[in-house]
C-alpha atoms as a PDB file:
ATOM      1  CA  MET A   1     108.023 110.713 125.567  1.00  0.00           C
ATOM      2  CA  ASN A   2     109.478 114.105 124.743  1.00  0.00           C
ATOM      3  CA  THR A   3     108.652 114.763 121.412  1.00  0.00           C
ATOM      4  CA  GLU A   4     112.141 115.246 121.107  1.00  0.00           C
ATOM      5  CA  ASP A   5     113.206 111.513 122.667  1.00  0.00           C
ATOM      6  CA  VAL A   6     114.929 109.429 119.926  1.00  0.00           C
ATOM      7  CA  ILE A   7     114.876 105.353 119.809  1.00  0.00           C
ATOM      8  CA  SER A   8     117.802 104.503 117.938  1.00  0.00           C
ATOM      9  CA  ILE A   9     118.525 100.488 116.653  1.00  0.00           C
ATOM     10  CA  GLU A  10     121.199 100.292 114.526  1.00  0.00           C
ATOM     11  CA  GLU A  11     121.298 102.675 111.324  1.00  0.00           C
ATOM     12  CA  VAL A  12     118.085 103.304 112.033  1.00  0.00           C
ATOM     13  CA  TYR A  13     115.642 105.611 114.314  1.00  0.00           C
ATOM     14  CA  LEU A  14     112.684 106.560 114.749  1.00  0.00           C
ATOM     15  CA  LYS A  15     111.301 110.196 116.027  1.00  0.00           C
ATOM     16  CA  ILE A  16     108.329 111.876 117.103  1.00  0.00           C
ATOM     17  CA  LEU A  17     106.922 112.957 113.622  1.00  0.00           C
ATOM     18  CA  LYS A  18     106.321 116.792 113.458  1.00  0.00           C
ATOM     19  CA  PRO A  19     104.816 119.204 110.725  1.00  0.00           C
ATOM     20  CA  GLU A  20     109.067 119.957 109.307  1.00  0.00           C
ATOM     21  CA  ASP A  21     108.921 116.321 109.136  1.00  0.00           C
ATOM     22  CA  ILE A  22     106.454 116.376 105.622  1.00  0.00           C
ATOM     23  CA  HIS A  23     108.502 116.136 102.245  1.00  0.00           C
ATOM     24  CA  ASP A  24     107.598 115.542  99.290  1.00  0.00           C
ATOM     25  CA  GLY A  25     108.703 111.812  98.558  1.00  0.00           C
ATOM     26  CA  TYR A  26     106.314 111.237 101.892  1.00  0.00           C
ATOM     27  CA  ILE A  27     103.367 112.413 100.295  1.00  0.00           C
ATOM     28  CA  ASP A  28     104.224 110.738  96.675  1.00  0.00           C
ATOM     29  CA  ALA A  29     103.999 107.636  99.138  1.00  0.00           C
ATOM     30  CA  LEU A  30     100.808 108.113 100.374  1.00  0.00           C
ATOM     31  CA  ASN A  31      99.305 108.788  96.890  1.00  0.00           C
ATOM     32  CA  ASP A  32     101.371 105.779  95.172  1.00  0.00           C
ATOM     33  CA  PRO A  33      98.801 102.318  95.124  1.00  0.00           C
ATOM     34  CA  VAL A  34     101.996 100.726  95.735  1.00  0.00           C
ATOM     35  CA  ASP A  35     102.633 102.085  99.223  1.00  0.00           C
ATOM     36  CA  ASN A  36      99.440 102.834  99.925  1.00  0.00           C
ATOM     37  CA  LYS A  37      97.883  99.768  98.935  1.00  0.00           C
ATOM     38  CA  TYR A  38      96.977  98.461 103.078  1.00  0.00           C
ATOM     39  CA  LEU A  39      96.419 101.850 103.957  1.00  0.00           C
ATOM     40  CA  ASP A  40      93.232 102.236 104.013  1.00  0.00           C
ATOM     41  CA  ASP A  41      91.464 106.265 105.453  1.00  0.00           C
ATOM     42  CA  VAL A  42      95.008 106.894 103.003  1.00  0.00           C
ATOM     43  CA  LYS A  43      93.899 105.212  99.848  1.00  0.00           C
ATOM     44  CA  ASN A  44      90.188 106.972  99.694  1.00  0.00           C
ATOM     45  CA  SER A  45      91.646 110.042  99.397  1.00  0.00           C
ATOM     46  CA  LEU A  46      94.228 112.559  97.419  1.00  0.00           C
ATOM     47  CA  GLN A  47      96.667 113.225 100.170  1.00  0.00           C
ATOM     48  CA  THR A  48      97.776 116.939 100.200  1.00  0.00           C
ATOM     49  CA  TYR A  49     100.905 118.981 102.472  1.00  0.00           C
ATOM     50  CA  SER A  50      97.352 119.623 103.888  1.00  0.00           C
ATOM     51  CA  SER A  51      95.911 116.540 104.686  1.00  0.00           C
ATOM     52  CA  VAL A  52      99.301 115.242 106.528  1.00  0.00           C
ATOM     53  CA  LEU A  53      99.819 117.941 108.581  1.00  0.00           C
ATOM     54  CA  ASN A  54      96.257 117.623 109.753  1.00  0.00           C
ATOM     55  CA  PHE A  55      97.270 114.051 110.182  1.00  0.00           C
ATOM     56  CA  ILE A  56     100.599 114.707 112.389  1.00  0.00           C
ATOM     57  CA  THR A  57      98.626 117.738 114.001  1.00  0.00           C
ATOM     58  CA  THR A  58      96.111 115.293 115.522  1.00  0.00           C
ATOM     59  CA  ASN A  59      98.186 112.674 116.662  1.00  0.00           C
ATOM     60  CA  LEU A  60     100.321 115.424 119.003  1.00  0.00           C
ATOM     61  CA  SER A  61      97.505 116.361 120.763  1.00  0.00           C
ATOM     62  CA  SER A  62      96.515 113.384 120.845  1.00  0.00           C
ATOM     63  CA  SER A  63      96.732 111.308 124.463  1.00  0.00           C
ATOM     64  CA  ASP A  64      96.208 108.210 122.686  1.00  0.00           C
ATOM     65  CA  SER A  65      98.409 107.861 119.535  1.00  0.00           C
ATOM     66  CA  LEU A  66     102.419 108.016 119.072  1.00  0.00           C
ATOM     67  CA  LEU A  67     103.453 108.479 115.161  1.00  0.00           C
ATOM     68  CA  PHE A  68     106.561 108.176 115.279  1.00  0.00           C
ATOM     69  CA  GLY A  69     108.803 108.745 112.106  1.00  0.00           C
ATOM     70  CA  ILE A  70     111.262 106.227 110.942  1.00  0.00           C
ATOM     71  CA  TRP A  71     114.930 107.651 109.768  1.00  0.00           C
ATOM     72  CA  HIS A  72     117.782 105.463 107.860  1.00  0.00           C
ATOM     73  CA  LYS A  73     121.010 107.108 108.329  1.00  0.00           C
ATOM     74  CA  LYS A  74     121.510 107.354 104.904  1.00  0.00           C
ATOM     75  CA  SER A  75     118.221 108.662 104.465  1.00  0.00           C
ATOM     76  CA  ASN A  76     119.220 112.312 103.654  1.00  0.00           C
ATOM     77  CA  ASN A  77     117.231 113.696 106.979  1.00  0.00           C
ATOM     78  CA  LYS A  78     113.895 112.685 105.789  1.00  0.00           C
ATOM     79  CA  ASN A  79     112.078 109.981 107.328  1.00  0.00           C
ATOM     80  CA  ILE A  80     111.575 106.971 105.109  1.00  0.00           C
ATOM     81  CA  GLY A  81     108.345 105.621 106.731  1.00  0.00           C
ATOM     82  CA  THR A  82     105.981 106.008 110.185  1.00  0.00           C
ATOM     83  CA  ILE A  83     104.949 103.950 112.774  1.00  0.00           C
ATOM     84  CA  LYS A  84     102.406 104.672 115.033  1.00  0.00           C
ATOM     85  CA  LEU A  85     101.119 103.200 118.525  1.00  0.00           C
ATOM     86  CA  ARG A  86      97.647 103.680 119.345  1.00  0.00           C
ATOM     87  CA  ARG A  87      96.090 102.965 122.760  1.00  0.00           C
ATOM     88  CA  SER A  88      93.163 100.754 122.215  1.00  0.00           C
ATOM     89  CA  SER A  89      92.326  99.650 126.462  1.00  0.00           C
ATOM     90  CA  GLU A  90      94.000 100.732 129.248  1.00  0.00           C
ATOM     91  CA  GLU A  91      96.424  97.413 128.570  1.00  0.00           C
ATOM     92  CA  VAL A  92      96.466  97.223 125.002  1.00  0.00           C
ATOM     93  CA  CYS A  93      98.137  98.956 122.619  1.00  0.00           C
ATOM     94  CA  ASP A  94      97.938  98.822 118.845  1.00  0.00           C
ATOM     95  CA  ILE A  95     100.590  99.060 116.167  1.00  0.00           C
ATOM     96  CA  GLY A  96     100.836  99.927 112.372  1.00  0.00           C
ATOM     97  CA  ILE A  97     103.533 100.489 109.842  1.00  0.00           C
ATOM     98  CA  CYS A  98     104.410 102.277 106.383  1.00  0.00           C
ATOM     99  CA  LEU A  99     107.930 102.779 105.120  1.00  0.00           C
ATOM    100  CA  PHE A 100     107.410 104.421 102.153  1.00  0.00           C
ATOM    101  CA  ASP A 101     110.816 105.164 100.381  1.00  0.00           C
ATOM    102  CA  LYS A 102     111.096 102.028  98.289  1.00  0.00           C
ATOM    103  CA  ILE A 103     114.781 102.355  98.095  1.00  0.00           C
ATOM    104  CA  PHE A 104     114.923 101.059 101.826  1.00  0.00           C
ATOM    105  CA  TRP A 105     112.338  98.165 101.048  1.00  0.00           C
ATOM    106  CA  ASN A 106     114.049  94.373 102.082  1.00  0.00           C
ATOM    107  CA  LYS A 107     116.516  95.389 104.561  1.00  0.00           C
ATOM    108  CA  LYS A 108     114.614  94.667 107.421  1.00  0.00           C
ATOM    109  CA  ILE A 109     114.138  97.547 109.237  1.00  0.00           C
ATOM    110  CA  GLY A 110     110.352  97.643 109.159  1.00  0.00           C
ATOM    111  CA  THR A 111     111.674  94.324 111.885  1.00  0.00           C
ATOM    112  CA  LYS A 112     113.766  96.652 113.293  1.00  0.00           C
ATOM    113  CA  ALA A 113     111.139  99.916 113.655  1.00  0.00           C
ATOM    114  CA  ILE A 114     108.954  97.146 115.119  1.00  0.00           C
ATOM    115  CA  LYS A 115     111.036  95.676 117.571  1.00  0.00           C
ATOM    116  CA  ALA A 116     112.411  98.338 118.725  1.00  0.00           C
ATOM    117  CA  LEU A 117     109.014 100.942 119.335  1.00  0.00           C
ATOM    118  CA  SER A 118     107.357  97.465 120.988  1.00  0.00           C
ATOM    119  CA  ASN A 119     109.517  97.159 123.489  1.00  0.00           C
ATOM    120  CA  TRP A 120     109.586 100.675 123.765  1.00  0.00           C
ATOM    121  CA  ALA A 121     106.078 100.897 125.210  1.00  0.00           C
ATOM    122  CA  LEU A 122     106.213  97.863 126.697  1.00  0.00           C
ATOM    123  CA  ILE A 123     109.321  98.986 129.192  1.00  0.00           C
ATOM    124  CA  ASN A 124     108.046 102.156 129.860  1.00  0.00           C
ATOM    125  CA  SER A 125     104.622 100.423 131.010  1.00  0.00           C
ATOM    126  CA  LEU A 126     102.517 102.839 127.987  1.00  0.00           C
ATOM    127  CA  CYS A 127     100.369  99.113 128.278  1.00  0.00           C
ATOM    128  CA  ASN A 128     101.196  94.894 128.757  1.00  0.00           C
ATOM    129  CA  LYS A 129     100.412  93.927 125.044  1.00  0.00           C
ATOM    130  CA  ILE A 130     100.629  95.076 121.606  1.00  0.00           C
ATOM    131  CA  VAL A 131      98.722  93.921 118.539  1.00  0.00           C
ATOM    132  CA  ALA A 132      98.976  94.294 114.477  1.00  0.00           C
ATOM    133  CA  GLY A 133      95.908  92.845 112.335  1.00  0.00           C
ATOM    134  CA  ILE A 134      97.203  92.630 109.038  1.00  0.00           C
ATOM    135  CA  TYR A 135      95.394  92.100 105.407  1.00  0.00           C
ATOM    136  CA  ILE A 136      96.911  88.172 104.521  1.00  0.00           C
ATOM    137  CA  GLU A 137      97.668  89.899 101.191  1.00  0.00           C
ATOM    138  CA  ASN A 138     100.530  91.943 103.008  1.00  0.00           C
ATOM    139  CA  LYS A 139     103.199  89.299 102.884  1.00  0.00           C
ATOM    140  CA  ALA A 140     105.802  91.540 103.786  1.00  0.00           C
ATOM    141  CA  SER A 141     104.275  92.913 107.097  1.00  0.00           C
ATOM    142  CA  VAL A 142     103.039  89.849 108.110  1.00  0.00           C
ATOM    143  CA  LYS A 143     106.901  88.597 107.471  1.00  0.00           C
ATOM    144  CA  SER A 144     108.135  91.491 109.880  1.00  0.00           C
ATOM    145  CA  PHE A 145     106.155  90.987 112.640  1.00  0.00           C
ATOM    146  CA  ILE A 146     107.059  87.828 112.610  1.00  0.00           C
ATOM    147  CA  ASN A 147     109.725  88.816 112.778  1.00  0.00           C
ATOM    148  CA  ALA A 148     110.061  91.233 115.008  1.00  0.00           C
ATOM    149  CA  GLY A 149     108.458  88.228 117.633  1.00  0.00           C
ATOM    150  CA  TYR A 150     104.740  89.151 117.204  1.00  0.00           C
ATOM    151  CA  VAL A 151     102.934  85.801 117.434  1.00  0.00           C
ATOM    152  CA  LEU A 152      99.635  84.952 116.039  1.00  0.00           C
ATOM    153  CA  PHE A 153      96.744  84.223 117.726  1.00  0.00           C
ATOM    154  CA  ASP A 154      93.642  84.872 115.529  1.00  0.00           C
ATOM    155  CA  ILE A 155      92.414  84.741 112.164  1.00  0.00           C
ATOM    156  CA  ASN A 156      89.290  87.262 111.533  1.00  0.00           C
ATOM    157  CA  SER A 157      87.173  85.890 107.833  1.00  0.00           C
ATOM    158  CA  GLU A 158      84.448  87.363 106.436  1.00  0.00           C
ATOM    159  CA  LYS A 159      84.058  90.574 108.334  1.00  0.00           C
ATOM    160  CA  TYR A 160      86.754  92.703 106.523  1.00  0.00           C
ATOM    161  CA  SER A 161      87.178  94.088 102.563  1.00  0.00           C
ATOM    162  CA  LEU A 162      90.427  94.765 100.671  1.00  0.00           C
ATOM    163  CA  ASN A 163      90.001  96.401  97.464  1.00  0.00           C
ATOM    164  CA  GLY A 164      86.396  95.765  97.244  1.00  0.00           C
ATOM    165  CA  ARG A 165      86.598  91.882  98.135  1.00  0.00           C
ATOM    166  CA  VAL A 166      86.444  89.607 101.192  1.00  0.00           C
ATOM    167  CA  THR A 167      89.489  88.791 102.999  1.00  0.00           C
ATOM    168  CA  ASN A 168      91.279  88.039 105.809  1.00  0.00           C
ATOM    169  CA  VAL A 169      92.926  89.568 108.571  1.00  0.00           C
ATOM    170  CA  LEU A 170      95.820  88.622 111.097  1.00  0.00           C
ATOM    171  CA  PHE A 171      95.503  89.258 114.782  1.00  0.00           C
ATOM    172  CA  PHE A 172      99.257  89.515 115.756  1.00  0.00           C
ATOM    173  CA  GLU A 173     100.123  89.985 119.546  1.00  0.00           C
ATOM    174  CA  TYR A 174     103.245  91.549 121.236  1.00  0.00           C
ATOM    175  CA  THR A 175     104.621  90.204 125.208  1.00  0.00           C
ATOM    176  CA  LEU A 176     107.810  91.247 126.759  1.00  0.00           C
ATOM    177  CA  LYS A 177     108.985  87.550 127.518  1.00  0.00           C
END
C-alpha cells in the first residue's frame, strides 16, 4: 500500500499513520486509564512523544503490519484513533482498534473502520481471514466487531489476565462472504 492511499467510509477515513500525525491528544489518550484499559503494552508504561514515534516508525518499516490512523471530517485534521492490521500467518491477519477521542465514541465509527479495513485487506488479498481477540469485558469492542460482520469462533479462558485477574478472551473472525 502506498502510504498516501486513503480508505474512505462516509465521514470517516483511514490512512497510514505517520510521525507527523502525532499530537498531544493522541499521547494523552494513551496515558488515560479509560482509553488504555484494554491496551496491554500501552498501559504498562508512560507513553511519550518518543515512544509513540517509535511505535509508528516501527510499524512503517514492518513488512507484517499496517498501522492506520482514523480521522473524522469533524476532527480538525487530527487522528481520533488507530487501527492495526498484522499478518500472523500466510492466510491470517490480526486486527486491533483504539478509538481514543471520546467525542467520537458511540457513533459507530469503530464499526465502520473495522469493516472498511477488513474488506480492503481481503479484497486486496493481504490474507484470507482476519481475527480479533477481545477481552470479554470490552463490551464496546465486542459490539463493534459483531456489527462489522465478525463471527465468534472461540473463547479462551484462564489463559489471559486483565488488571491482575484471569479473564476470558473472545476470538472473532471475518471473511468475505
